[in-house]
Amino acid sequence: MTKYVDEAINETVIGLNVKIIKFNRANSCDSDYDSAKDLCNRDVNLYGTYALISCFSGPWTCALSTTLVMIENTNCMSDALEDFNDCSK
């Protein structure tokens, strides 16, 4: 009987430990995801400034540089979300 009680207690404690580990990892993943998004926003602000300056050279240059900034931001945010999803597993 004691053997079964010990097994039940160990399973419960191990289950709680796994949940705590997953919770801590999720908090770390959230923090990493927020940092990655902040870096993406920083970069888009920098590239956006260059795109705005390039608008003085003509409409085609402005359109191309603005499109490139949007593509870069989309790729960066997508990478950040992919890393978050990999971390959360």
Protein backbone atom coordinates (compact mmCIF):
# COMPACT_ATOMS: atom_id res chain seq x y z
CA MET A 1 0.00 0.00 0.00
CA THR A 2 2.82 2.40 0.85
CA LYS A 3 4.36 1.72 -2.54
CA TYR A 4 1.21 2.92 -4.32
CA VAL A 5 0.94 6.03 -2.17
CA ASP A 6 4.59 6.88 -2.87
CA GLU A 7 4.05 6.41 -6.60
CA ALA A 8 0.96 8.63 -6.54
CA ILE A 9 2.82 11.36 -4.64
CA ASN A 10 5.83 11.17 -6.99
CA GLU A 11 3.60 11.40 -10.06
CA THR A 12 1.81 14.43 -8.63
CA VAL A 13 5.03 16.18 -7.64
CA ILE A 14 6.65 15.44 -11.00
CA GLY A 15 3.53 16.67 -12.77
CA LEU A 16 3.61 19.90 -10.78
CA ASN A 17 7.31 20.36 -11.50
CA VAL A 18 6.71 19.94 -15.24
CA LYS A 19 3.90 22.52 -15.13
CA ILE A 20 6.13 24.96 -13.21
CA ILE A 21 8.96 24.46 -15.70
CA LYS A 22 6.60 25.05 -18.64
CA PHE A 23 5.21 28.17 -16.92
CA ASN A 24 8.71 29.59 -16.35
CA ARG A 25 9.72 28.77 -19.91
CA ALA A 26 6.56 30.45 -21.22
CA ASN A 27 7.41 33.62 -19.28
CA SER A 28 10.92 33.54 -20.72
CA CYS A 29 9.51 33.00 -24.21
CA ASP A 30 7.17 35.97 -23.77
CA SER A 31 10.06 38.15 -22.69
CA ASP A 32 12.22 37.02 -25.63
CA TYR A 33 9.32 37.61 -28.04
CA ASP A 34 8.76 41.12 -26.70
CA SER A 35 12.48 41.88 -27.07
CA ALA A 36 12.51 40.57 -30.64
CA LYS A 37 9.48 42.69 -31.54
CA ASP A 38 11.17 45.74 -30.03
CA LEU A 39 14.23 45.09 -32.19
CA CYS A 40 12.01 44.77 -35.27
CA ASN A 41 10.34 48.08 -34.43
CA ARG A 42 13.70 49.75 -33.89
CA ASP A 43 14.92 48.54 -37.27
CA VAL A 44 11.75 49.60 -39.09
CA ASN A 45 12.11 53.09 -37.62
CA LEU A 46 15.70 53.29 -38.82
CA TYR A 47 14.91 51.91 -42.29
CA GLY A 48 11.80 54.07 -42.48
CA THR A 49 13.94 57.15 -41.96
CA TYR A 50 16.14 56.13 -44.90
CA ALA A 51 13.02 55.41 -46.97
CA LEU A 52 11.65 58.85 -46.18
CA ILE A 53 14.93 60.47 -47.20
CA SER A 54 14.94 58.45 -50.43
CA CYS A 55 11.52 59.91 -51.29
CA PHE A 56 13.30 63.13 -52.24
CA SER A 57 14.88 61.30 -55.17
CA GLY A 58 11.60 60.45 -56.83
CA PRO A 59 8.37 58.52 -56.54
CA TRP A 60 9.74 55.19 -57.78
CA THR A 61 12.61 55.24 -55.32
CA CYS A 62 10.17 56.19 -52.57
CA ALA A 63 7.78 53.36 -53.46
CA LEU A 64 10.57 50.79 -53.71
CA SER A 65 12.26 51.77 -50.45
CA THR A 66 8.94 51.87 -48.58
CA THR A 67 8.03 48.44 -49.93
CA LEU A 68 11.40 47.06 -48.84
CA VAL A 69 10.89 48.45 -45.33
CA MET A 70 7.48 46.76 -45.11
CA ILE A 71 8.89 43.45 -46.34
CA GLU A 72 11.77 43.62 -43.86
CA ASN A 73 9.40 44.36 -40.98
CA THR A 74 7.06 41.52 -41.96
CA ASN A 75 9.96 39.07 -42.17
CA CYS A 76 11.37 40.20 -38.83
CA MET A 77 8.02 39.88 -37.04
CA SER A 78 7.45 36.49 -38.66
CA ASP A 79 10.85 35.28 -37.45
CA ALA A 80 10.11 36.55 -33.95
CA LEU A 81 6.77 34.71 -33.87
CA GLU A 82 8.39 31.53 -35.21
CA ASP A 83 11.05 31.67 -32.50
CA PHE A 84 8.34 32.24 -29.89
CA ASN A 85 6.36 29.24 -31.11
CA ASP A 86 9.48 27.05 -31.09
CA CYS A 87 10.34 28.20 -27.57
CA SER A 88 6.81 27.61 -26.26
CA LYS A 89 6.74 23.95 -27.29
